[in-house]
Amino acid sequence: MIVMSNDVLIVTWTPNLNSNGEMRVYTVLGKTNLTDAAWMCPTNSGHRFFKVKVELP
């Protein structure tokens, strides 16, 4: 789930992939419209669509 609070994104999910000492890097990307060409990071309160990129460091 992605929630905006005071212009800060709070991301929670199940299951938590940070386990067994393997930490993942989570990056939240946003768009104002789905037809926009690029996903933006950092996101802002004008973005209505989000995706989360998950990587191993």
C-alpha atoms as a PDB file:
ATOM      1  CA  MET A   1       0.000   0.000   0.000  1.00  0.00           C
ATOM      2  CA  ILE A   2       1.255   3.530  -0.790  1.00  0.00           C
ATOM      3  CA  VAL A   3       0.012   6.425   1.344  1.00  0.00           C
ATOM      4  CA  MET A   4       0.951  10.130   1.089  1.00  0.00           C
ATOM      5  CA  SER A   5       1.321  11.931   4.434  1.00  0.00           C
ATOM      6  CA  ASN A   6       2.629  15.527   4.576  1.00  0.00           C
ATOM      7  CA  ASP A   7       4.153  15.127   1.080  1.00  0.00           C
ATOM      8  CA  VAL A   8       6.020  11.994   2.230  1.00  0.00           C
ATOM      9  CA  LEU A   9       5.278   8.574   0.758  1.00  0.00           C
ATOM     10  CA  ILE A  10       4.835   5.712   3.176  1.00  0.00           C
ATOM     11  CA  VAL A  11       5.066   2.278   1.563  1.00  0.00           C
ATOM     12  CA  THR A  12       4.011  -0.952   3.239  1.00  0.00           C
ATOM     13  CA  TRP A  13       3.678  -4.409   1.710  1.00  0.00           C
ATOM     14  CA  THR A  14       3.235  -8.070   2.490  1.00  0.00           C
ATOM     15  CA  PRO A  15       5.380 -10.130   2.521  1.00  0.00           C
ATOM     16  CA  ASN A  16       8.389  -8.173   3.732  1.00  0.00           C
ATOM     17  CA  LEU A  17      11.219  -9.199   1.369  1.00  0.00           C
ATOM     18  CA  ASN A  18      13.971  -8.044   3.763  1.00  0.00           C
ATOM     19  CA  SER A  19      14.704 -11.372   5.382  1.00  0.00           C
ATOM     20  CA  ASN A  20      17.622 -13.675   6.145  1.00  0.00           C
ATOM     21  CA  GLY A  21      19.955 -10.662   6.276  1.00  0.00           C
ATOM     22  CA  GLU A  22      19.284  -9.779   2.623  1.00  0.00           C
ATOM     23  CA  MET A  23      18.246  -6.148   2.468  1.00  0.00           C
ATOM     24  CA  ARG A  24      16.471  -4.845  -0.621  1.00  0.00           C
ATOM     25  CA  VAL A  25      16.479  -1.272  -1.926  1.00  0.00           C
ATOM     26  CA  TYR A  26      12.960   0.040  -2.571  1.00  0.00           C
ATOM     27  CA  THR A  27      12.526   3.044  -4.886  1.00  0.00           C
ATOM     28  CA  VAL A  28       9.108   4.670  -5.339  1.00  0.00           C
ATOM     29  CA  LEU A  29       8.512   6.159  -8.806  1.00  0.00           C
ATOM     30  CA  GLY A  30       5.514   8.303  -9.747  1.00  0.00           C
ATOM     31  CA  LYS A  31       3.569   9.740 -12.685  1.00  0.00           C
ATOM     32  CA  THR A  32       0.841  12.353 -12.866  1.00  0.00           C
ATOM     33  CA  ASN A  33      -0.814  10.573 -15.816  1.00  0.00           C
ATOM     34  CA  LEU A  34      -0.300   7.052 -17.095  1.00  0.00           C
ATOM     35  CA  THR A  35       0.369   8.517 -20.548  1.00  0.00           C
ATOM     36  CA  ASP A  36       3.432  10.443 -19.245  1.00  0.00           C
ATOM     37  CA  ALA A  37       6.614   9.123 -20.865  1.00  0.00           C
ATOM     38  CA  ALA A  38       8.847   8.846 -17.799  1.00  0.00           C
ATOM     39  CA  TRP A  39       8.474   7.659 -14.222  1.00  0.00           C
ATOM     40  CA  MET A  40       9.796  10.344 -11.839  1.00  0.00           C
ATOM     41  CA  CYS A  41      11.848   9.992  -8.675  1.00  0.00           C
ATOM     42  CA  PRO A  42      11.533  11.587  -6.212  1.00  0.00           C
ATOM     43  CA  THR A  43       7.759  11.583  -6.289  1.00  0.00           C
ATOM     44  CA  ASN A  44       5.539  14.471  -5.231  1.00  0.00           C
ATOM     45  CA  SER A  45       1.936  15.159  -4.249  1.00  0.00           C
ATOM     46  CA  GLY A  46       1.002  15.753  -7.913  1.00  0.00           C
ATOM     47  CA  HIS A  47       1.667  12.136  -8.817  1.00  0.00           C
ATOM     48  CA  ARG A  48      -1.386   9.890  -8.924  1.00  0.00           C
ATOM     49  CA  PHE A  49       0.230   6.670 -10.185  1.00  0.00           C
ATOM     50  CA  PHE A  50       3.090   4.872  -8.468  1.00  0.00           C
ATOM     51  CA  LYS A  51       5.288   1.830  -8.867  1.00  0.00           C
ATOM     52  CA  VAL A  52       7.901   0.394  -6.543  1.00  0.00           C
ATOM     53  CA  LYS A  53      11.234  -0.792  -7.934  1.00  0.00           C
ATOM     54  CA  VAL A  54      12.908  -3.493  -5.803  1.00  0.00           C
ATOM     55  CA  GLU A  55      16.627  -4.252  -6.127  1.00  0.00           C
ATOM     56  CA  LEU A  56      19.343  -6.066  -4.266  1.00  0.00           C
ATOM     57  CA  PRO A  57      22.173  -3.655  -3.332  1.00  0.00           C
END
